[in-house]
């Protein structure tokens, strides 16, 4: 019987034994499928496709992006959670996953046991936009409109429980106002209706909302981050606009099914972190309206778990029903 030779490979700060002739040595030796739980053109789809393209180049293997929208990203998450833990089916998700796990105990998968965070990619504020025909020229005027017509104005989202939905709900709870939530199957169709005046305001993801603002198709009232966004420094933060204590960002990253070998997770994590550290990728992210935020597996796991805990408190206090 031929003996397998053992060598060491270095992935970042991690030294792993590599057994030549095993699946790990060859990974990936066939196309990788990346599921995105949102419609084409949504913020998470845009970022996921950017990353998928670079992974394909770096690992010399195709990465096929499949959009499986619905249930605020849970359909895609469930499919990945129940896939073979071999590194060939991965999930590119956003903090809507943490929100769903926090809010809905009846999900068909366990978000903290069946899925493993691999690497964080971005953490970008939302941008609050209204149509050019809106009477609201700033956040204060939007709040005044909401109070004058309580429960009559509407806001859009890419789906119930998604980050943009919760950004809107957090805004309403913080300002003690009410509005009708209109969920869509992605950020792009929500933005389209916003431009057309079918909905009154939308906390859009930057890759969707920023180009519309830069193209003078919508009016931007504020961004939801702690600091102003570098891609639109003239737009004030929600706190600067008078909504004290309001802060939220849309994070995005990769997950794999529980049981995926650490060696494969390390290959994916190391590859993506190297991709994010290139000047070309940083420039592409800025142009796409994305705040790059590289996080290794431990950092991304900590963020994911802390976000679940945070949203459990927010959802309970605001009495928000997502299921």
C-alpha atoms as a PDB file:
ATOM      1  CA  UNK A   1       0.000   0.000   0.000  1.00  0.00           C
ATOM      2  CA  UNK A   2       1.343   3.417  -0.935  1.00  0.00           C
ATOM      3  CA  UNK A   3       1.895   5.705   2.047  1.00  0.00           C
ATOM      4  CA  UNK A   4       0.514   9.205   2.041  1.00  0.00           C
ATOM      5  CA  UNK A   5       3.074  11.922   2.681  1.00  0.00           C
ATOM      6  CA  UNK A   6       2.350  14.655   5.203  1.00  0.00           C
ATOM      7  CA  UNK A   7       3.431  18.269   4.868  1.00  0.00           C
ATOM      8  CA  UNK A   8       2.519  21.478   6.637  1.00  0.00           C
ATOM      9  CA  UNK A   9       0.755  24.389   4.995  1.00  0.00           C
ATOM     10  CA  UNK A  10       0.525  27.860   6.482  1.00  0.00           C
ATOM     11  CA  UNK A  11      -2.806  29.712   6.242  1.00  0.00           C
ATOM     12  CA  UNK A  12      -2.442  33.084   7.899  1.00  0.00           C
ATOM     13  CA  UNK A  13      -1.226  32.329  11.410  1.00  0.00           C
ATOM     14  CA  UNK A  14      -2.528  28.755  11.320  1.00  0.00           C
ATOM     15  CA  UNK A  15      -0.318  25.785  10.486  1.00  0.00           C
ATOM     16  CA  UNK A  16      -2.267  22.792   9.226  1.00  0.00           C
ATOM     17  CA  UNK A  17      -1.143  19.273   8.384  1.00  0.00           C
ATOM     18  CA  UNK A  18      -1.827  18.514   4.738  1.00  0.00           C
ATOM     19  CA  UNK A  19      -2.153  14.879   3.741  1.00  0.00           C
ATOM     20  CA  UNK A  20      -1.357  14.570   0.061  1.00  0.00           C
ATOM     21  CA  UNK A  21      -3.955  12.584  -1.796  1.00  0.00           C
ATOM     22  CA  UNK A  22      -6.818  13.572   0.508  1.00  0.00           C
ATOM     23  CA  UNK A  23      -9.801  15.746  -0.359  1.00  0.00           C
ATOM     24  CA  UNK A  24      -8.233  18.612   1.620  1.00  0.00           C
ATOM     25  CA  UNK A  25      -5.155  18.583  -0.605  1.00  0.00           C
ATOM     26  CA  UNK A  26      -7.301  18.913  -3.707  1.00  0.00           C
ATOM     27  CA  UNK A  27      -9.895  21.363  -2.380  1.00  0.00           C
ATOM     28  CA  UNK A  28     -11.537  22.730  -4.345  1.00  0.00           C
ATOM     29  CA  UNK A  29     -11.502  20.214  -7.176  1.00  0.00           C
ATOM     30  CA  UNK A  30     -14.987  21.039  -8.453  1.00  0.00           C
ATOM     31  CA  UNK A  31     -17.230  24.137  -8.625  1.00  0.00           C
ATOM     32  CA  UNK A  32     -18.360  25.766  -5.383  1.00  0.00           C
ATOM     33  CA  UNK A  33     -22.004  26.826  -5.078  1.00  0.00           C
ATOM     34  CA  UNK A  34     -22.639  30.050  -3.171  1.00  0.00           C
ATOM     35  CA  UNK A  35     -26.255  30.598  -2.126  1.00  0.00           C
ATOM     36  CA  UNK A  36     -27.523  34.141  -1.607  1.00  0.00           C
ATOM     37  CA  UNK A  37     -30.918  34.478   0.025  1.00  0.00           C
ATOM     38  CA  UNK A  38     -31.886  37.661  -1.803  1.00  0.00           C
ATOM     39  CA  UNK A  39     -32.829  38.784  -5.286  1.00  0.00           C
ATOM     40  CA  UNK A  40     -30.285  39.683  -7.971  1.00  0.00           C
ATOM     41  CA  UNK A  41     -29.254  43.313  -7.595  1.00  0.00           C
ATOM     42  CA  UNK A  42     -29.740  43.397  -3.823  1.00  0.00           C
ATOM     43  CA  UNK A  43     -26.905  44.659  -1.619  1.00  0.00           C
ATOM     44  CA  UNK A  44     -25.895  41.189  -0.440  1.00  0.00           C
ATOM     45  CA  UNK A  45     -26.095  39.784  -3.966  1.00  0.00           C
ATOM     46  CA  UNK A  46     -23.820  42.543  -5.286  1.00  0.00           C
ATOM     47  CA  UNK A  47     -21.163  41.998  -2.613  1.00  0.00           C
ATOM     48  CA  UNK A  48     -21.458  38.217  -2.789  1.00  0.00           C
ATOM     49  CA  UNK A  49     -20.863  38.197  -6.541  1.00  0.00           C
ATOM     50  CA  UNK A  50     -17.828  40.454  -6.188  1.00  0.00           C
ATOM     51  CA  UNK A  51     -16.318  38.059  -3.659  1.00  0.00           C
ATOM     52  CA  UNK A  52     -17.320  34.943  -5.617  1.00  0.00           C
ATOM     53  CA  UNK A  53     -15.564  36.187  -8.728  1.00  0.00           C
ATOM     54  CA  UNK A  54     -12.308  36.758  -6.853  1.00  0.00           C
ATOM     55  CA  UNK A  55     -12.500  33.397  -5.057  1.00  0.00           C
ATOM     56  CA  UNK A  56     -12.877  31.726  -8.430  1.00  0.00           C
ATOM     57  CA  UNK A  57      -9.719  33.420  -9.693  1.00  0.00           C
ATOM     58  CA  UNK A  58      -7.722  32.749  -6.512  1.00  0.00           C
ATOM     59  CA  UNK A  59      -8.667  29.079  -6.183  1.00  0.00           C
ATOM     60  CA  UNK A  60      -8.814  28.411  -9.932  1.00  0.00           C
ATOM     61  CA  UNK A  61     -12.276  26.914  -9.629  1.00  0.00           C
ATOM     62  CA  UNK A  62     -15.743  28.133 -10.596  1.00  0.00           C
ATOM     63  CA  UNK A  63     -17.924  29.704  -7.906  1.00  0.00           C
ATOM     64  CA  UNK A  64     -21.559  29.578  -8.982  1.00  0.00           C
ATOM     65  CA  UNK A  65     -23.829  32.134  -7.302  1.00  0.00           C
ATOM     66  CA  UNK A  66     -27.414  30.972  -6.864  1.00  0.00           C
ATOM     67  CA  UNK A  67     -30.090  33.402  -5.705  1.00  0.00           C
ATOM     68  CA  UNK A  68     -32.649  31.673  -3.526  1.00  0.00           C
ATOM     69  CA  UNK A  69     -34.802  34.478  -2.194  1.00  0.00           C
ATOM     70  CA  UNK A  70     -37.622  34.256   0.289  1.00  0.00           C
ATOM     71  CA  UNK A  71     -38.290  34.168   4.036  1.00  0.00           C
ATOM     72  CA  UNK A  72     -35.785  36.981   4.636  1.00  0.00           C
ATOM     73  CA  UNK A  73     -32.899  34.845   3.484  1.00  0.00           C
ATOM     74  CA  UNK A  74     -33.915  31.810   5.516  1.00  0.00           C
ATOM     75  CA  UNK A  75     -34.623  29.597   2.493  1.00  0.00           C
ATOM     76  CA  UNK A  76     -31.008  29.844   1.370  1.00  0.00           C
ATOM     77  CA  UNK A  77     -29.724  29.478   4.938  1.00  0.00           C
ATOM     78  CA  UNK A  78     -31.819  26.361   5.474  1.00  0.00           C
ATOM     79  CA  UNK A  79     -30.572  24.813   2.225  1.00  0.00           C
ATOM     80  CA  UNK A  80     -26.941  25.395   3.184  1.00  0.00           C
ATOM     81  CA  UNK A  81     -27.487  24.204   6.764  1.00  0.00           C
ATOM     82  CA  UNK A  82     -28.761  20.890   5.385  1.00  0.00           C
ATOM     83  CA  UNK A  83     -26.074  20.526   2.712  1.00  0.00           C
ATOM     84  CA  UNK A  84     -23.069  18.230   2.839  1.00  0.00           C
ATOM     85  CA  UNK A  85     -20.348  19.793   5.022  1.00  0.00           C
ATOM     86  CA  UNK A  86     -17.676  19.542   2.350  1.00  0.00           C
ATOM     87  CA  UNK A  87     -17.034  23.180   1.432  1.00  0.00           C
ATOM     88  CA  UNK A  88     -18.847  22.980  -1.897  1.00  0.00           C
ATOM     89  CA  UNK A  89     -22.073  24.638  -0.743  1.00  0.00           C
ATOM     90  CA  UNK A  90     -21.634  27.925   1.105  1.00  0.00           C
ATOM     91  CA  UNK A  91     -23.901  30.759   2.197  1.00  0.00           C
ATOM     92  CA  UNK A  92     -23.259  34.448   1.673  1.00  0.00           C
ATOM     93  CA  UNK A  93     -25.491  36.159   4.217  1.00  0.00           C
ATOM     94  CA  UNK A  94     -26.095  39.431   6.007  1.00  0.00           C
ATOM     95  CA  UNK A  95     -27.165  40.364   9.511  1.00  0.00           C
ATOM     96  CA  UNK A  96     -30.746  39.524   8.556  1.00  0.00           C
ATOM     97  CA  UNK A  97     -29.689  35.973   9.420  1.00  0.00           C
ATOM     98  CA  UNK A  98     -28.886  36.987  12.998  1.00  0.00           C
ATOM     99  CA  UNK A  99     -32.149  38.923  13.197  1.00  0.00           C
ATOM    100  CA  UNK A 100     -34.173  35.907  12.031  1.00  0.00           C
ATOM    101  CA  UNK A 101     -32.425  33.610  14.482  1.00  0.00           C
ATOM    102  CA  UNK A 102     -33.149  36.100  17.290  1.00  0.00           C
ATOM    103  CA  UNK A 103     -36.786  36.620  16.335  1.00  0.00           C
ATOM    104  CA  UNK A 104     -38.077  33.321  15.054  1.00  0.00           C
ATOM    105  CA  UNK A 105     -37.674  30.167  17.163  1.00  0.00           C
ATOM    106  CA  UNK A 106     -39.568  28.182  14.515  1.00  0.00           C
ATOM    107  CA  UNK A 107     -36.902  28.389  11.829  1.00  0.00           C
ATOM    108  CA  UNK A 108     -36.323  24.982  10.167  1.00  0.00           C
ATOM    109  CA  UNK A 109     -32.661  25.112  11.204  1.00  0.00           C
ATOM    110  CA  UNK A 110     -30.666  26.144  14.272  1.00  0.00           C
ATOM    111  CA  UNK A 111     -28.778  29.281  13.323  1.00  0.00           C
ATOM    112  CA  UNK A 112     -26.100  28.817  15.961  1.00  0.00           C
ATOM    113  CA  UNK A 113     -25.596  25.070  15.613  1.00  0.00           C
ATOM    114  CA  UNK A 114     -26.282  24.188  11.981  1.00  0.00           C
ATOM    115  CA  UNK A 115     -24.299  27.031  10.396  1.00  0.00           C
ATOM    116  CA  UNK A 116     -20.706  28.105  11.041  1.00  0.00           C
ATOM    117  CA  UNK A 117     -19.443  31.657  10.385  1.00  0.00           C
ATOM    118  CA  UNK A 118     -16.316  31.538   8.204  1.00  0.00           C
ATOM    119  CA  UNK A 119     -15.264  35.089   7.424  1.00  0.00           C
ATOM    120  CA  UNK A 120     -16.709  38.592   7.617  1.00  0.00           C
ATOM    121  CA  UNK A 121     -16.476  40.752   4.520  1.00  0.00           C
ATOM    122  CA  UNK A 122     -18.278  44.057   5.029  1.00  0.00           C
ATOM    123  CA  UNK A 123     -20.116  46.208   7.576  1.00  0.00           C
ATOM    124  CA  UNK A 124     -21.865  49.079   5.840  1.00  0.00           C
ATOM    125  CA  UNK A 125     -24.425  51.591   7.089  1.00  0.00           C
ATOM    126  CA  UNK A 126     -27.829  51.831   5.457  1.00  0.00           C
ATOM    127  CA  UNK A 127     -28.826  55.017   3.699  1.00  0.00           C
ATOM    128  CA  UNK A 128     -32.262  56.517   4.365  1.00  0.00           C
ATOM    129  CA  UNK A 129     -33.715  57.638   1.044  1.00  0.00           C
ATOM    130  CA  UNK A 130     -36.964  59.222  -0.131  1.00  0.00           C
ATOM    131  CA  UNK A 131     -38.188  59.993  -3.628  1.00  0.00           C
ATOM    132  CA  UNK A 132     -37.314  63.320  -5.206  1.00  0.00           C
ATOM    133  CA  UNK A 133     -40.994  64.182  -5.010  1.00  0.00           C
ATOM    134  CA  UNK A 134     -41.171  63.677  -1.248  1.00  0.00           C
ATOM    135  CA  UNK A 135     -42.000  66.649   0.973  1.00  0.00           C
ATOM    136  CA  UNK A 136     -39.326  65.449   3.448  1.00  0.00           C
ATOM    137  CA  UNK A 137     -36.099  67.387   2.897  1.00  0.00           C
ATOM    138  CA  UNK A 138     -34.487  66.029   6.061  1.00  0.00           C
ATOM    139  CA  UNK A 139     -35.054  63.480   8.832  1.00  0.00           C
ATOM    140  CA  UNK A 140     -36.882  65.961  11.070  1.00  0.00           C
ATOM    141  CA  UNK A 141     -39.412  66.653   8.325  1.00  0.00           C
ATOM    142  CA  UNK A 142     -39.915  62.927   7.716  1.00  0.00           C
ATOM    143  CA  UNK A 143     -40.593  62.416  11.424  1.00  0.00           C
ATOM    144  CA  UNK A 144     -43.060  65.304  11.380  1.00  0.00           C
ATOM    145  CA  UNK A 145     -44.860  63.718   8.406  1.00  0.00           C
ATOM    146  CA  UNK A 146     -45.011  60.381  10.209  1.00  0.00           C
ATOM    147  CA  UNK A 147     -46.525  62.005  13.290  1.00  0.00           C
ATOM    148  CA  UNK A 148     -49.002  64.039  11.256  1.00  0.00           C
ATOM    149  CA  UNK A 149     -50.207  61.004   9.289  1.00  0.00           C
ATOM    150  CA  UNK A 150     -49.683  58.280  11.858  1.00  0.00           C
ATOM    151  CA  UNK A 151     -49.700  54.828  10.309  1.00  0.00           C
ATOM    152  CA  UNK A 152     -50.387  56.069   6.773  1.00  0.00           C
ATOM    153  CA  UNK A 153     -46.893  56.440   5.318  1.00  0.00           C
ATOM    154  CA  UNK A 154     -45.060  53.332   4.115  1.00  0.00           C
ATOM    155  CA  UNK A 155     -41.500  52.074   4.036  1.00  0.00           C
ATOM    156  CA  UNK A 156     -39.975  49.262   2.035  1.00  0.00           C
ATOM    157  CA  UNK A 157     -37.551  46.451   2.745  1.00  0.00           C
ATOM    158  CA  UNK A 158     -35.962  43.484   1.003  1.00  0.00           C
ATOM    159  CA  UNK A 159     -38.057  41.171   3.164  1.00  0.00           C
ATOM    160  CA  UNK A 160     -39.465  40.677   6.646  1.00  0.00           C
ATOM    161  CA  UNK A 161     -36.660  40.410   9.177  1.00  0.00           C
ATOM    162  CA  UNK A 162     -33.922  41.663   6.859  1.00  0.00           C
ATOM    163  CA  UNK A 163     -31.477  44.327   7.924  1.00  0.00           C
ATOM    164  CA  UNK A 164     -33.237  47.119   6.020  1.00  0.00           C
ATOM    165  CA  UNK A 165     -36.568  46.117   7.581  1.00  0.00           C
ATOM    166  CA  UNK A 166     -35.090  46.253  11.072  1.00  0.00           C
ATOM    167  CA  UNK A 167     -33.419  49.578  10.324  1.00  0.00           C
ATOM    168  CA  UNK A 168     -36.888  50.938   9.593  1.00  0.00           C
ATOM    169  CA  UNK A 169     -38.466  49.337  12.648  1.00  0.00           C
ATOM    170  CA  UNK A 170     -35.671  50.653  14.867  1.00  0.00           C
ATOM    171  CA  UNK A 171     -36.268  54.129  13.437  1.00  0.00           C
ATOM    172  CA  UNK A 172     -39.994  53.959  14.167  1.00  0.00           C
ATOM    173  CA  UNK A 173     -39.419  52.648  17.683  1.00  0.00           C
ATOM    174  CA  UNK A 174     -36.785  55.288  18.419  1.00  0.00           C
ATOM    175  CA  UNK A 175     -38.935  58.155  17.134  1.00  0.00           C
ATOM    176  CA  UNK A 176     -42.228  56.806  18.557  1.00  0.00           C
ATOM    177  CA  UNK A 177     -43.873  56.856  15.135  1.00  0.00           C
ATOM    178  CA  UNK A 178     -45.772  54.360  12.989  1.00  0.00           C
ATOM    179  CA  UNK A 179     -45.706  53.417   9.308  1.00  0.00           C
ATOM    180  CA  UNK A 180     -46.807  50.577   7.044  1.00  0.00           C
ATOM    181  CA  UNK A 181     -44.070  48.063   6.238  1.00  0.00           C
ATOM    182  CA  UNK A 182     -44.018  46.856   2.611  1.00  0.00           C
ATOM    183  CA  UNK A 183     -41.705  43.821   2.189  1.00  0.00           C
ATOM    184  CA  UNK A 184     -40.220  43.003  -1.211  1.00  0.00           C
ATOM    185  CA  UNK A 185     -38.187  40.057  -2.503  1.00  0.00           C
ATOM    186  CA  UNK A 186     -35.022  42.121  -2.666  1.00  0.00           C
ATOM    187  CA  UNK A 187     -33.563  45.574  -2.283  1.00  0.00           C
ATOM    188  CA  UNK A 188     -33.700  46.418  -5.977  1.00  0.00           C
ATOM    189  CA  UNK A 189     -37.504  46.138  -6.376  1.00  0.00           C
ATOM    190  CA  UNK A 190     -37.993  48.082  -3.140  1.00  0.00           C
ATOM    191  CA  UNK A 191     -35.758  50.857  -4.458  1.00  0.00           C
ATOM    192  CA  UNK A 192     -37.607  50.879  -7.781  1.00  0.00           C
ATOM    193  CA  UNK A 193     -40.913  51.504  -6.030  1.00  0.00           C
ATOM    194  CA  UNK A 194     -39.305  54.159  -3.843  1.00  0.00           C
ATOM    195  CA  UNK A 195     -38.102  56.045  -6.922  1.00  0.00           C
ATOM    196  CA  UNK A 196     -41.594  55.789  -8.384  1.00  0.00           C
ATOM    197  CA  UNK A 197     -43.231  57.096  -5.221  1.00  0.00           C
ATOM    198  CA  UNK A 198     -45.094  53.871  -4.387  1.00  0.00           C
ATOM    199  CA  UNK A 199     -43.490  53.848  -0.921  1.00  0.00           C
ATOM    200  CA  UNK A 200     -42.466  56.842   1.189  1.00  0.00           C
ATOM    201  CA  UNK A 201     -39.037  55.954   2.561  1.00  0.00           C
ATOM    202  CA  UNK A 202     -36.498  53.159   2.531  1.00  0.00           C
ATOM    203  CA  UNK A 203     -33.398  52.328   4.573  1.00  0.00           C
ATOM    204  CA  UNK A 204     -31.561  50.982   1.541  1.00  0.00           C
ATOM    205  CA  UNK A 205     -28.360  49.014   1.522  1.00  0.00           C
ATOM    206  CA  UNK A 206     -25.537  51.200   0.203  1.00  0.00           C
ATOM    207  CA  UNK A 207     -24.901  49.207  -3.005  1.00  0.00           C
ATOM    208  CA  UNK A 208     -28.550  49.794  -3.914  1.00  0.00           C
ATOM    209  CA  UNK A 209     -29.228  53.244  -2.472  1.00  0.00           C
ATOM    210  CA  UNK A 210     -25.945  55.072  -3.073  1.00  0.00           C
ATOM    211  CA  UNK A 211     -25.979  54.846  -6.896  1.00  0.00           C
ATOM    212  CA  UNK A 212     -29.553  56.137  -6.920  1.00  0.00           C
ATOM    213  CA  UNK A 213     -28.520  59.063  -4.714  1.00  0.00           C
ATOM    214  CA  UNK A 214     -25.391  59.780  -6.762  1.00  0.00           C
ATOM    215  CA  UNK A 215     -27.523  59.646  -9.902  1.00  0.00           C
ATOM    216  CA  UNK A 216     -29.965  62.217  -8.474  1.00  0.00           C
ATOM    217  CA  UNK A 217     -32.821  59.701  -8.650  1.00  0.00           C
ATOM    218  CA  UNK A 218     -33.574  59.903  -4.904  1.00  0.00           C
ATOM    219  CA  UNK A 219     -32.930  62.206  -1.961  1.00  0.00           C
ATOM    220  CA  UNK A 220     -30.678  60.922   0.838  1.00  0.00           C
ATOM    221  CA  UNK A 221     -31.631  62.054   4.339  1.00  0.00           C
ATOM    222  CA  UNK A 222     -29.099  60.238   6.533  1.00  0.00           C
ATOM    223  CA  UNK A 223     -26.866  57.199   6.992  1.00  0.00           C
ATOM    224  CA  UNK A 224     -27.282  54.792   9.888  1.00  0.00           C
ATOM    225  CA  UNK A 225     -23.664  54.369  10.979  1.00  0.00           C
ATOM    226  CA  UNK A 226     -21.890  55.956  13.918  1.00  0.00           C
ATOM    227  CA  UNK A 227     -19.832  58.033  11.491  1.00  0.00           C
ATOM    228  CA  UNK A 228     -20.544  59.513   8.083  1.00  0.00           C
ATOM    229  CA  UNK A 229     -19.975  57.209   5.124  1.00  0.00           C
ATOM    230  CA  UNK A 230     -16.797  57.884   3.143  1.00  0.00           C
ATOM    231  CA  UNK A 231     -18.615  57.405  -0.157  1.00  0.00           C
ATOM    232  CA  UNK A 232     -21.066  60.231   0.655  1.00  0.00           C
ATOM    233  CA  UNK A 233     -19.493  62.375   3.393  1.00  0.00           C
ATOM    234  CA  UNK A 234     -22.031  65.160   2.881  1.00  0.00           C
ATOM    235  CA  UNK A 235     -24.895  62.953   4.145  1.00  0.00           C
ATOM    236  CA  UNK A 236     -25.402  63.297   7.908  1.00  0.00           C
ATOM    237  CA  UNK A 237     -25.728  60.393  10.328  1.00  0.00           C
ATOM    238  CA  UNK A 238     -29.040  59.622  11.994  1.00  0.00           C
ATOM    239  CA  UNK A 239     -27.651  60.891  15.274  1.00  0.00           C
ATOM    240  CA  UNK A 240     -26.514  64.138  13.663  1.00  0.00           C
ATOM    241  CA  UNK A 241     -30.034  64.421  12.242  1.00  0.00           C
ATOM    242  CA  UNK A 242     -31.427  64.330  15.772  1.00  0.00           C
ATOM    243  CA  UNK A 243     -32.284  60.653  16.241  1.00  0.00           C
ATOM    244  CA  UNK A 244     -30.218  60.098  19.361  1.00  0.00           C
ATOM    245  CA  UNK A 245     -28.827  56.641  20.022  1.00  0.00           C
ATOM    246  CA  UNK A 246     -29.625  55.347  16.527  1.00  0.00           C
ATOM    247  CA  UNK A 247     -26.808  53.281  15.033  1.00  0.00           C
ATOM    248  CA  UNK A 248     -26.885  50.256  12.728  1.00  0.00           C
ATOM    249  CA  UNK A 249     -24.753  48.625  10.051  1.00  0.00           C
ATOM    250  CA  UNK A 250     -25.372  45.897   7.494  1.00  0.00           C
ATOM    251  CA  UNK A 251     -22.696  43.213   7.856  1.00  0.00           C
ATOM    252  CA  UNK A 252     -22.127  40.497   5.286  1.00  0.00           C
ATOM    253  CA  UNK A 253     -20.056  37.343   5.284  1.00  0.00           C
ATOM    254  CA  UNK A 254     -19.751  33.651   4.519  1.00  0.00           C
ATOM    255  CA  UNK A 255     -21.172  30.646   6.381  1.00  0.00           C
ATOM    256  CA  UNK A 256     -20.832  26.876   5.861  1.00  0.00           C
ATOM    257  CA  UNK A 257     -22.749  23.873   7.211  1.00  0.00           C
ATOM    258  CA  UNK A 258     -21.793  22.610  10.662  1.00  0.00           C
ATOM    259  CA  UNK A 259     -19.291  19.788  10.386  1.00  0.00           C
ATOM    260  CA  UNK A 260     -17.282  21.388   7.598  1.00  0.00           C
ATOM    261  CA  UNK A 261     -13.607  20.494   8.235  1.00  0.00           C
ATOM    262  CA  UNK A 262     -11.591  23.325   9.830  1.00  0.00           C
ATOM    263  CA  UNK A 263      -8.958  22.912   7.093  1.00  0.00           C
ATOM    264  CA  UNK A 264     -11.512  23.792   4.398  1.00  0.00           C
ATOM    265  CA  UNK A 265     -12.895  26.690   6.439  1.00  0.00           C
ATOM    266  CA  UNK A 266      -9.341  27.999   6.809  1.00  0.00           C
ATOM    267  CA  UNK A 267      -8.744  27.818   3.059  1.00  0.00           C
ATOM    268  CA  UNK A 268     -11.907  29.842   2.422  1.00  0.00           C
ATOM    269  CA  UNK A 269     -11.191  32.340   5.194  1.00  0.00           C
ATOM    270  CA  UNK A 270      -7.543  32.849   4.256  1.00  0.00           C
ATOM    271  CA  UNK A 271      -8.402  33.247   0.571  1.00  0.00           C
ATOM    272  CA  UNK A 272     -11.111  35.842   1.179  1.00  0.00           C
ATOM    273  CA  UNK A 273      -9.044  37.848   3.677  1.00  0.00           C
ATOM    274  CA  UNK A 274      -6.216  38.049   1.130  1.00  0.00           C
ATOM    275  CA  UNK A 275      -8.695  39.141  -1.537  1.00  0.00           C
ATOM    276  CA  UNK A 276     -10.069  41.907   0.698  1.00  0.00           C
ATOM    277  CA  UNK A 277      -6.547  43.186   1.384  1.00  0.00           C
ATOM    278  CA  UNK A 278      -5.816  44.002  -2.260  1.00  0.00           C
ATOM    279  CA  UNK A 279      -5.940  47.638  -3.452  1.00  0.00           C
ATOM    280  CA  UNK A 280      -8.109  46.606  -6.403  1.00  0.00           C
ATOM    281  CA  UNK A 281     -10.773  45.028  -4.209  1.00  0.00           C
ATOM    282  CA  UNK A 282     -10.773  47.932  -1.765  1.00  0.00           C
ATOM    283  CA  UNK A 283     -11.351  50.318  -4.670  1.00  0.00           C
ATOM    284  CA  UNK A 284     -14.167  48.181  -6.057  1.00  0.00           C
ATOM    285  CA  UNK A 285     -15.877  48.099  -2.662  1.00  0.00           C
ATOM    286  CA  UNK A 286     -15.714  51.881  -2.333  1.00  0.00           C
ATOM    287  CA  UNK A 287     -17.183  52.348  -5.809  1.00  0.00           C
ATOM    288  CA  UNK A 288     -19.968  49.884  -4.956  1.00  0.00           C
ATOM    289  CA  UNK A 289     -20.809  51.791  -1.789  1.00  0.00           C
ATOM    290  CA  UNK A 290     -19.580  49.070   0.556  1.00  0.00           C
ATOM    291  CA  UNK A 291     -17.610  49.536   3.783  1.00  0.00           C
ATOM    292  CA  UNK A 292     -15.022  46.761   3.767  1.00  0.00           C
ATOM    293  CA  UNK A 293     -14.652  45.046   7.167  1.00  0.00           C
ATOM    294  CA  UNK A 294     -12.432  41.937   7.079  1.00  0.00           C
ATOM    295  CA  UNK A 295     -13.074  39.601  10.029  1.00  0.00           C
ATOM    296  CA  UNK A 296     -11.422  36.243  10.652  1.00  0.00           C
ATOM    297  CA  UNK A 297     -13.481  33.252  11.761  1.00  0.00           C
ATOM    298  CA  UNK A 298     -13.314  34.038  15.478  1.00  0.00           C
ATOM    299  CA  UNK A 299     -14.084  37.736  15.021  1.00  0.00           C
ATOM    300  CA  UNK A 300     -16.998  37.008  12.711  1.00  0.00           C
ATOM    301  CA  UNK A 301     -18.353  34.326  15.061  1.00  0.00           C
ATOM    302  CA  UNK A 302     -18.226  36.790  17.971  1.00  0.00           C
ATOM    303  CA  UNK A 303     -20.057  39.437  15.914  1.00  0.00           C
ATOM    304  CA  UNK A 304     -22.715  36.958  14.790  1.00  0.00           C
ATOM    305  CA  UNK A 305     -23.458  35.704  18.310  1.00  0.00           C
ATOM    306  CA  UNK A 306     -23.450  39.189  19.851  1.00  0.00           C
ATOM    307  CA  UNK A 307     -25.788  40.445  17.122  1.00  0.00           C
ATOM    308  CA  UNK A 308     -28.261  37.643  17.852  1.00  0.00           C
ATOM    309  CA  UNK A 309     -28.239  38.627  21.526  1.00  0.00           C
ATOM    310  CA  UNK A 310     -28.634  42.322  20.672  1.00  0.00           C
ATOM    311  CA  UNK A 311     -31.624  41.810  18.387  1.00  0.00           C
ATOM    312  CA  UNK A 312     -33.393  39.569  20.868  1.00  0.00           C
ATOM    313  CA  UNK A 313     -33.464  42.514  23.268  1.00  0.00           C
ATOM    314  CA  UNK A 314     -34.481  45.074  20.615  1.00  0.00           C
ATOM    315  CA  UNK A 315     -37.237  42.871  19.165  1.00  0.00           C
ATOM    316  CA  UNK A 316     -38.673  42.095  22.606  1.00  0.00           C
ATOM    317  CA  UNK A 317     -38.643  45.736  23.725  1.00  0.00           C
ATOM    318  CA  UNK A 318     -40.179  47.002  20.471  1.00  0.00           C
ATOM    319  CA  UNK A 319     -42.669  44.092  20.386  1.00  0.00           C
ATOM    320  CA  UNK A 320     -41.790  43.374  16.756  1.00  0.00           C
ATOM    321  CA  UNK A 321     -43.320  40.222  15.260  1.00  0.00           C
ATOM    322  CA  UNK A 322     -41.346  38.707  12.406  1.00  0.00           C
ATOM    323  CA  UNK A 323     -42.707  35.147  12.151  1.00  0.00           C
END
